[in-house]
C-alpha atoms as a PDB file:
ATOM      1  CA  MET A   1     -35.258  30.401 -35.372  1.00  0.00           C
ATOM      2  CA  LYS A   2     -32.637  29.243 -38.107  1.00  0.00           C
ATOM      3  CA  HIS A   3     -29.591  26.659 -36.549  1.00  0.00           C
ATOM      4  CA  LEU A   4     -26.545  28.493 -36.224  1.00  0.00           C
ATOM      5  CA  PRO A   5     -23.757  26.890 -38.189  1.00  0.00           C
ATOM      6  CA  LEU A   6     -21.382  25.293 -36.743  1.00  0.00           C
ATOM      7  CA  PHE A   7     -18.351  27.873 -37.099  1.00  0.00           C
ATOM      8  CA  ASP A   8     -20.558  30.460 -35.295  1.00  0.00           C
ATOM      9  CA  LYS A   9     -20.923  28.109 -32.264  1.00  0.00           C
ATOM     10  CA  ILE A  10     -17.759  27.357 -31.610  1.00  0.00           C
ATOM     11  CA  PRO A  11     -16.574  31.224 -30.458  1.00  0.00           C
ATOM     12  CA  LYS A  12     -19.554  30.589 -28.163  1.00  0.00           C
ATOM     13  CA  PHE A  13     -17.951  26.890 -26.468  1.00  0.00           C
ATOM     14  CA  SER A  14     -14.503  28.744 -26.246  1.00  0.00           C
ATOM     15  CA  ASN A  15     -16.269  31.693 -24.006  1.00  0.00           C
ATOM     16  CA  SER A  16     -17.994  29.029 -22.151  1.00  0.00           C
ATOM     17  CA  LEU A  17     -15.049  27.292 -21.774  1.00  0.00           C
ATOM     18  CA  GLU A  18     -12.711  30.656 -20.692  1.00  0.00           C
ATOM     19  CA  PHE A  19     -15.438  31.114 -18.373  1.00  0.00           C
ATOM     20  CA  PHE A  20     -15.700  27.426 -16.758  1.00  0.00           C
ATOM     21  CA  LYS A  21     -11.936  27.767 -16.210  1.00  0.00           C
ATOM     22  CA  LYS A  22     -11.763  31.484 -14.891  1.00  0.00           C
ATOM     23  CA  ASN A  23     -14.061  30.043 -12.348  1.00  0.00           C
ATOM     24  CA  PHE A  24     -13.206  26.118 -11.662  1.00  0.00           C
ATOM     25  CA  PHE A  25      -9.241  27.384 -11.601  1.00  0.00           C
ATOM     26  CA  CYS A  26      -9.211  30.611  -9.632  1.00  0.00           C
ATOM     27  CA  VAL A  27      -9.453  28.447  -6.311  1.00  0.00           C
ATOM     28  CA  PRO A  28      -6.323  27.253  -5.388  1.00  0.00           C
ATOM     29  CA  PHE A  29      -6.029  22.993  -5.732  1.00  0.00           C
ATOM     30  CA  LEU A  30      -9.454  23.099  -6.643  1.00  0.00           C
ATOM     31  CA  ALA A  31      -8.792  21.637  -9.759  1.00  0.00           C
ATOM     32  CA  ALA A  32      -6.284  19.231  -8.651  1.00  0.00           C
ATOM     33  CA  PHE A  33      -8.631  17.861  -5.746  1.00  0.00           C
ATOM     34  CA  ASN A  34     -11.467  17.373  -7.910  1.00  0.00           C
ATOM     35  CA  THR A  35      -9.615  15.544 -10.428  1.00  0.00           C
ATOM     36  CA  LEU A  36      -7.813  13.418  -7.803  1.00  0.00           C
ATOM     37  CA  THR A  37     -11.132  12.727  -6.308  1.00  0.00           C
ATOM     38  CA  VAL A  38     -13.041  11.623  -9.569  1.00  0.00           C
ATOM     39  CA  LEU A  39     -10.079   9.391 -10.294  1.00  0.00           C
ATOM     40  CA  VAL A  40     -10.104   7.222  -7.035  1.00  0.00           C
ATOM     41  CA  LEU A  41     -14.219   7.271  -7.308  1.00  0.00           C
ATOM     42  CA  VAL A  42     -13.565   5.905 -10.727  1.00  0.00           C
ATOM     43  CA  GLY A  43     -10.828   3.533  -9.948  1.00  0.00           C
ATOM     44  CA  LEU A  44     -13.630   2.080  -6.704  1.00  0.00           C
ATOM     45  CA  SER A  45     -16.230   1.665  -9.286  1.00  0.00           C
ATOM     46  CA  LEU A  46     -13.803  -0.019 -11.649  1.00  0.00           C
ATOM     47  CA  TYR A  47     -12.832  -2.476  -8.890  1.00  0.00           C
ATOM     48  CA  ALA A  48     -16.265  -3.092  -7.498  1.00  0.00           C
ATOM     49  CA  LYS A  49     -17.611  -3.841 -11.009  1.00  0.00           C
ATOM     50  CA  LEU A  50     -14.705  -6.310 -12.318  1.00  0.00           C
ATOM     51  CA  ASN A  51     -14.786  -8.196  -8.511  1.00  0.00           C
ATOM     52  CA  ASN A  52     -18.399  -7.870  -8.032  1.00  0.00           C
ATOM     53  CA  LYS A  53     -17.600  -5.679  -4.751  1.00  0.00           C
ATOM     54  CA  GLY A  54     -20.128  -3.499  -4.460  1.00  0.00           C
ATOM     55  CA  ASP A  55     -20.959  -3.903  -0.872  1.00  0.00           C
ATOM     56  CA  ALA A  56     -17.533  -3.524   0.046  1.00  0.00           C
ATOM     57  CA  VAL A  57     -17.388   0.259  -1.924  1.00  0.00           C
ATOM     58  CA  GLU A  58     -20.884   0.875  -0.111  1.00  0.00           C
ATOM     59  CA  ARG A  59     -19.053   0.461   3.371  1.00  0.00           C
ATOM     60  CA  LEU A  60     -16.912   3.099   2.791  1.00  0.00           C
ATOM     61  CA  PHE A  61     -20.042   5.332   2.547  1.00  0.00           C
ATOM     62  CA  SER A  62     -21.892   4.002   5.455  1.00  0.00           C
ATOM     63  CA  ASP A  63     -22.983   5.673   8.261  1.00  0.00           C
ATOM     64  CA  PRO A  64     -22.860   4.675  11.876  1.00  0.00           C
ATOM     65  CA  PHE A  65     -26.822   4.334  12.534  1.00  0.00           C
ATOM     66  CA  ASN A  66     -28.581   2.284  15.167  1.00  0.00           C
ATOM     67  CA  PHE A  67     -32.292   2.649  14.976  1.00  0.00           C
ATOM     68  CA  TRP A  68     -32.925   1.392  18.407  1.00  0.00           C
ATOM     69  CA  PHE A  69     -30.104   3.988  19.957  1.00  0.00           C
ATOM     70  CA  PRO A  70     -30.451   7.012  17.746  1.00  0.00           C
ATOM     71  CA  TYR A  71     -28.156   8.927  20.231  1.00  0.00           C
ATOM     72  CA  GLU A  72     -25.315   6.363  19.997  1.00  0.00           C
ATOM     73  CA  GLY A  73     -21.760   8.303  19.205  1.00  0.00           C
ATOM     74  CA  ILE A  74     -23.664  11.719  18.724  1.00  0.00           C
ATOM     75  CA  LEU A  75     -20.839  13.188  21.509  1.00  0.00           C
ATOM     76  CA  THR A  76     -17.966  11.606  19.363  1.00  0.00           C
ATOM     77  CA  GLY A  77     -19.652  13.176  16.144  1.00  0.00           C
ATOM     78  CA  VAL A  78     -19.704  16.535  17.716  1.00  0.00           C
ATOM     79  CA  SER A  79     -15.691  15.878  18.991  1.00  0.00           C
ATOM     80  CA  GLU A  80     -14.801  15.100  15.388  1.00  0.00           C
ATOM     81  CA  VAL A  81     -16.874  18.314  14.429  1.00  0.00           C
ATOM     82  CA  LEU A  82     -14.507  20.663  16.700  1.00  0.00           C
ATOM     83  CA  TRP A  83     -11.441  18.626  15.546  1.00  0.00           C
ATOM     84  CA  CYS A  84     -11.661  20.680  12.519  1.00  0.00           C
ATOM     85  CA  VAL A  85     -12.285  23.952  14.161  1.00  0.00           C
ATOM     86  CA  PRO A  86      -8.594  24.827  15.279  1.00  0.00           C
ATOM     87  CA  VAL A  87      -7.222  22.905  12.200  1.00  0.00           C
ATOM     88  CA  ALA A  88      -9.454  25.166  10.181  1.00  0.00           C
ATOM     89  CA  VAL A  89      -8.686  28.464  11.483  1.00  0.00           C
ATOM     90  CA  CYS A  90      -5.011  28.142  12.138  1.00  0.00           C
ATOM     91  CA  ALA A  91      -4.309  27.160   8.346  1.00  0.00           C
ATOM     92  CA  PHE A  92      -7.214  29.655   7.580  1.00  0.00           C
ATOM     93  CA  THR A  93      -5.671  32.605   9.239  1.00  0.00           C
ATOM     94  CA  PHE A  94      -2.204  31.565   8.403  1.00  0.00           C
ATOM     95  CA  GLY A  95      -2.889  31.946   4.691  1.00  0.00           C
ATOM     96  CA  VAL A  96      -3.762  35.354   5.371  1.00  0.00           C
ATOM     97  CA  LEU A  97      -1.500  36.661   7.566  1.00  0.00           C
ATOM     98  CA  ARG A  98       1.625  34.591   5.152  1.00  0.00           C
ATOM     99  CA  GLN A  99       0.735  37.412   2.339  1.00  0.00           C
ATOM    100  CA  LYS A 100       2.447  39.919   4.534  1.00  0.00           C
ATOM    101  CA  ASN A 101       4.938  38.471   6.905  1.00  0.00           C
ATOM    102  CA  PRO A 102       4.979  34.509   6.374  1.00  0.00           C
ATOM    103  CA  ARG A 103       8.130  34.720   8.969  1.00  0.00           C
ATOM    104  CA  SER A 104       6.162  36.313  11.938  1.00  0.00           C
ATOM    105  CA  ARG A 105       6.186  34.425  14.971  1.00  0.00           C
ATOM    106  CA  ALA A 106       2.140  34.259  14.852  1.00  0.00           C
ATOM    107  CA  ALA A 107       2.079  32.969  11.493  1.00  0.00           C
ATOM    108  CA  ILE A 108       5.042  30.301  12.288  1.00  0.00           C
ATOM    109  CA  PHE A 109       3.056  29.317  15.142  1.00  0.00           C
ATOM    110  CA  LEU A 110      -0.035  28.781  13.748  1.00  0.00           C
ATOM    111  CA  PHE A 111       1.233  26.873  10.744  1.00  0.00           C
ATOM    112  CA  PHE A 112       2.988  24.546  13.220  1.00  0.00           C
ATOM    113  CA  SER A 113      -0.483  24.421  15.081  1.00  0.00           C
ATOM    114  CA  ALA A 114      -2.450  23.588  12.356  1.00  0.00           C
ATOM    115  CA  LEU A 115      -0.061  20.553  11.199  1.00  0.00           C
ATOM    116  CA  LEU A 116       0.564  18.949  15.179  1.00  0.00           C
ATOM    117  CA  LEU A 117      -3.143  19.182  15.243  1.00  0.00           C
ATOM    118  CA  GLY A 118      -4.209  18.066  12.005  1.00  0.00           C
ATOM    119  CA  VAL A 119      -1.866  14.910  12.694  1.00  0.00           C
ATOM    120  CA  PHE A 120      -3.825  14.454  16.009  1.00  0.00           C
ATOM    121  CA  PHE A 121      -6.896  14.821  14.151  1.00  0.00           C
ATOM    122  CA  LEU A 122      -6.154  12.200  11.639  1.00  0.00           C
ATOM    123  CA  ASP A 123      -4.879   9.816  14.307  1.00  0.00           C
ATOM    124  CA  ASP A 124      -8.453   9.837  16.105  1.00  0.00           C
ATOM    125  CA  ARG A 125     -10.553   9.981  12.922  1.00  0.00           C
ATOM    126  CA  PHE A 126      -8.656   6.655  11.156  1.00  0.00           C
ATOM    127  CA  ARG A 127      -7.744   5.118  14.539  1.00  0.00           C
ATOM    128  CA  MET A 128      -4.225   5.222  13.335  1.00  0.00           C
ATOM    129  CA  THR A 129      -2.763   4.584  16.943  1.00  0.00           C
ATOM    130  CA  LEU A 130      -4.624   1.704  17.089  1.00  0.00           C
ATOM    131  CA  ILE A 131      -4.002  -0.086  13.164  1.00  0.00           C
ATOM    132  CA  ILE A 132      -0.059   0.673  14.447  1.00  0.00           C
ATOM    133  CA  SER A 133      -0.210  -0.952  17.520  1.00  0.00           C
ATOM    134  CA  ARG A 134      -1.747  -4.360  15.949  1.00  0.00           C
ATOM    135  CA  LEU A 135       0.863  -4.497  14.216  1.00  0.00           C
ATOM    136  CA  GLY A 136       2.641  -4.816  17.300  1.00  0.00           C
ATOM    137  CA  ILE A 137       3.937  -1.156  18.280  1.00  0.00           C
ATOM    138  CA  SER A 138       3.057  -0.614  21.865  1.00  0.00           C
ATOM    139  CA  LYS A 139       0.868   2.297  22.491  1.00  0.00           C
ATOM    140  CA  LYS A 140       2.949   3.766  24.904  1.00  0.00           C
ATOM    141  CA  LEU A 141       5.627   4.241  22.122  1.00  0.00           C
ATOM    142  CA  ILE A 142       3.437   6.300  20.090  1.00  0.00           C
ATOM    143  CA  TYR A 143       1.894   8.081  22.711  1.00  0.00           C
ATOM    144  CA  LEU A 144       5.124   8.943  24.001  1.00  0.00           C
ATOM    145  CA  CYS A 145       6.204  10.507  20.423  1.00  0.00           C
ATOM    146  CA  TYR A 146       3.090  12.269  20.329  1.00  0.00           C
ATOM    147  CA  GLY A 147       3.953  13.540  24.078  1.00  0.00           C
ATOM    148  CA  SER A 148       7.626  14.669  23.010  1.00  0.00           C
ATOM    149  CA  ALA A 149       5.871  16.420  19.939  1.00  0.00           C
ATOM    150  CA  VAL A 150       3.650  18.310  22.200  1.00  0.00           C
ATOM    151  CA  PHE A 151       6.835  19.234  24.470  1.00  0.00           C
ATOM    152  CA  LEU A 152       9.277  20.785  21.699  1.00  0.00           C
ATOM    153  CA  TYR A 153       5.980  22.536  19.861  1.00  0.00           C
ATOM    154  CA  GLY A 154       5.786  24.205  23.881  1.00  0.00           C
ATOM    155  CA  VAL A 155       9.490  24.703  24.031  1.00  0.00           C
ATOM    156  CA  LYS A 156       9.677  26.486  20.436  1.00  0.00           C
ATOM    157  CA  PHE A 157       6.715  28.585  20.776  1.00  0.00           C
ATOM    158  CA  TRP A 158       6.715  29.665  24.444  1.00  0.00           C
ATOM    159  CA  ARG A 159       7.512  32.952  23.783  1.00  0.00           C
ATOM    160  CA  TYR A 160       4.552  33.550  21.862  1.00  0.00           C
ATOM    161  CA  ILE A 161       2.276  31.430  23.535  1.00  0.00           C
ATOM    162  CA  LYS A 162       2.968  33.269  27.076  1.00  0.00           C
ATOM    163  CA  THR A 163       1.788  36.431  25.180  1.00  0.00           C
ATOM    164  CA  THR A 164      -1.654  34.886  24.925  1.00  0.00           C
ATOM    165  CA  PRO A 165      -4.242  33.767  27.379  1.00  0.00           C
ATOM    166  CA  TYR A 166      -2.480  30.267  27.274  1.00  0.00           C
ATOM    167  CA  LEU A 167      -4.610  28.632  30.261  1.00  0.00           C
ATOM    168  CA  PRO A 168      -7.262  26.657  27.497  1.00  0.00           C
ATOM    169  CA  LEU A 169      -4.269  25.300  25.871  1.00  0.00           C
ATOM    170  CA  VAL A 170      -2.649  24.157  28.601  1.00  0.00           C
ATOM    171  CA  VAL A 171      -5.662  22.776  30.084  1.00  0.00           C
ATOM    172  CA  ALA A 172      -6.240  21.464  26.972  1.00  0.00           C
ATOM    173  CA  PHE A 173      -3.281  19.460  26.749  1.00  0.00           C
ATOM    174  CA  LEU A 174      -3.326  18.179  30.147  1.00  0.00           C
ATOM    175  CA  LEU A 175      -6.641  16.767  29.368  1.00  0.00           C
ATOM    176  CA  PHE A 176      -5.906  15.069  26.144  1.00  0.00           C
ATOM    177  CA  GLY A 177      -3.165  13.432  28.869  1.00  0.00           C
ATOM    178  CA  ILE A 178      -5.482  12.097  30.809  1.00  0.00           C
ATOM    179  CA  SER A 179      -7.182  10.767  28.086  1.00  0.00           C
ATOM    180  CA  ARG A 180      -4.514   8.989  26.159  1.00  0.00           C
ATOM    181  CA  PHE A 181      -3.380   7.588  30.034  1.00  0.00           C
ATOM    182  CA  GLU A 182      -7.137   6.139  29.942  1.00  0.00           C
ATOM    183  CA  ASP A 183      -6.592   4.492  26.656  1.00  0.00           C
ATOM    184  CA  ILE A 184      -3.562   2.430  28.114  1.00  0.00           C
ATOM    185  CA  TYR A 185      -4.574   1.457  31.227  1.00  0.00           C
ATOM    186  CA  GLU A 186      -8.552   1.200  30.954  1.00  0.00           C
ATOM    187  CA  SER A 187     -10.754   1.464  34.187  1.00  0.00           C
ATOM    188  CA  GLN A 188     -13.374  -1.952  34.602  1.00  0.00           C
ATOM    189  CA  SER A 189     -16.455   0.528  34.760  1.00  0.00           C
ATOM    190  CA  LEU A 190     -17.682   1.157  31.367  1.00  0.00           C
ATOM    191  CA  GLY A 191     -19.275   4.741  32.185  1.00  0.00           C
ATOM    192  CA  VAL A 192     -15.758   6.172  33.948  1.00  0.00           C
ATOM    193  CA  HIS A 193     -13.963   4.619  30.820  1.00  0.00           C
ATOM    194  CA  ALA A 194     -16.212   6.553  28.578  1.00  0.00           C
ATOM    195  CA  MET A 195     -15.381   9.853  30.765  1.00  0.00           C
ATOM    196  CA  LEU A 196     -12.045   9.626  31.160  1.00  0.00           C
ATOM    197  CA  GLU A 197     -11.128   8.692  27.591  1.00  0.00           C
ATOM    198  CA  ASP A 198     -13.710  10.352  25.436  1.00  0.00           C
ATOM    199  CA  GLY A 199     -15.147  13.174  28.375  1.00  0.00           C
ATOM    200  CA  THR A 200     -12.109  14.367  28.624  1.00  0.00           C
ATOM    201  CA  LYS A 201     -11.163  14.541  24.909  1.00  0.00           C
ATOM    202  CA  LEU A 202     -14.502  16.061  24.089  1.00  0.00           C
ATOM    203  CA  LEU A 203     -13.632  18.942  26.902  1.00  0.00           C
ATOM    204  CA  ALA A 204      -9.838  19.457  25.774  1.00  0.00           C
ATOM    205  CA  LEU A 205     -11.583  20.211  22.012  1.00  0.00           C
ATOM    206  CA  LEU A 206     -13.716  22.696  23.127  1.00  0.00           C
ATOM    207  CA  ASN A 207     -10.805  24.607  25.104  1.00  0.00           C
ATOM    208  CA  LEU A 208      -8.945  24.154  22.331  1.00  0.00           C
ATOM    209  CA  SER A 209     -11.438  25.449  19.768  1.00  0.00           C
ATOM    210  CA  LEU A 210     -12.284  28.568  21.883  1.00  0.00           C
ATOM    211  CA  TYR A 211      -8.905  29.380  22.415  1.00  0.00           C
ATOM    212  CA  PHE A 212      -7.693  28.978  18.754  1.00  0.00           C
ATOM    213  CA  TRP A 213     -10.662  31.285  17.568  1.00  0.00           C
ATOM    214  CA  HIS A 214      -9.668  34.075  19.615  1.00  0.00           C
ATOM    215  CA  ILE A 215      -5.991  34.017  18.774  1.00  0.00           C
ATOM    216  CA  CYS A 216      -6.959  33.723  14.620  1.00  0.00           C
ATOM    217  CA  HIS A 217      -9.494  36.807  15.690  1.00  0.00           C
ATOM    218  CA  GLN A 218      -7.120  38.780  16.929  1.00  0.00           C
ATOM    219  CA  GLU A 219      -4.054  38.090  14.736  1.00  0.00           C
ATOM    220  CA  ILE A 220      -6.298  39.198  11.885  1.00  0.00           C
ATOM    221  CA  GLY A 221      -7.768  42.020  13.637  1.00  0.00           C
ATOM    222  CA  ARG A 222      -4.424  43.220  13.955  1.00  0.00           C
ATOM    223  CA  HIS A 223      -3.785  42.196  10.402  1.00  0.00           C
ATOM    224  CA  LEU A 224      -6.238  44.560   8.956  1.00  0.00           C
ATOM    225  CA  ARG A 225      -5.363  47.329  11.238  1.00  0.00           C
ATOM    226  CA  GLN A 226      -2.024  47.196   9.911  1.00  0.00           C
ATOM    227  CA  SER A 227      -3.327  47.384   6.520  1.00  0.00           C
ATOM    228  CA  GLU A 228      -5.568  50.021   6.938  1.00  0.00           C
ATOM    229  CA  LYS A 229      -2.715  52.399   8.191  1.00  0.00           C
ATOM    230  CA  ARG A 230      -0.445  51.595   4.428  1.00  0.00           C
END
């Protein structure tokens, strides 16, 4: 079989490039986030190479694991998964609803729900409150700010919330309050402390996830029915 001349290969390369662009750039932010992530990884690799800090980079990807106690942290992992559920479904449903009416009550409610819960998730996952408190800012002040944000959220969207089965939402935020209170005033018993801080948070996240899953399911169903009527 004869080798194709270079000018015959160029159209095939051009077609491959078009295929790549068509598939890679059709997903919003896919190219941007991939590029940013690659740049960060390259930067970390260069830093590790130039400063002989390979072990420091390895810690960024290390998994917490205790061979003797493989169940260690398992409920914390479950909580982190549950944190992602309401944030993801609210953001996704907002994206669907905004195509028709971005100013609808449901769309705005879900947008701010995703934003508020996203901030709480980032705080919990990356220990932002703990880091800020080590800088001299009281945990009480931080939790007061979070409590004020929840209060304003409730006041702003109460008209919409009361049209939904809102008891799980109220219970979830009350349980979060107990969890944060226990974080400030720690019990003497380790078991009691774990149950009051992390156990209540796990139960709160379960209620929160199921509530927003139900709400988002209803809103998307309503959106599809309205689209079919057109």
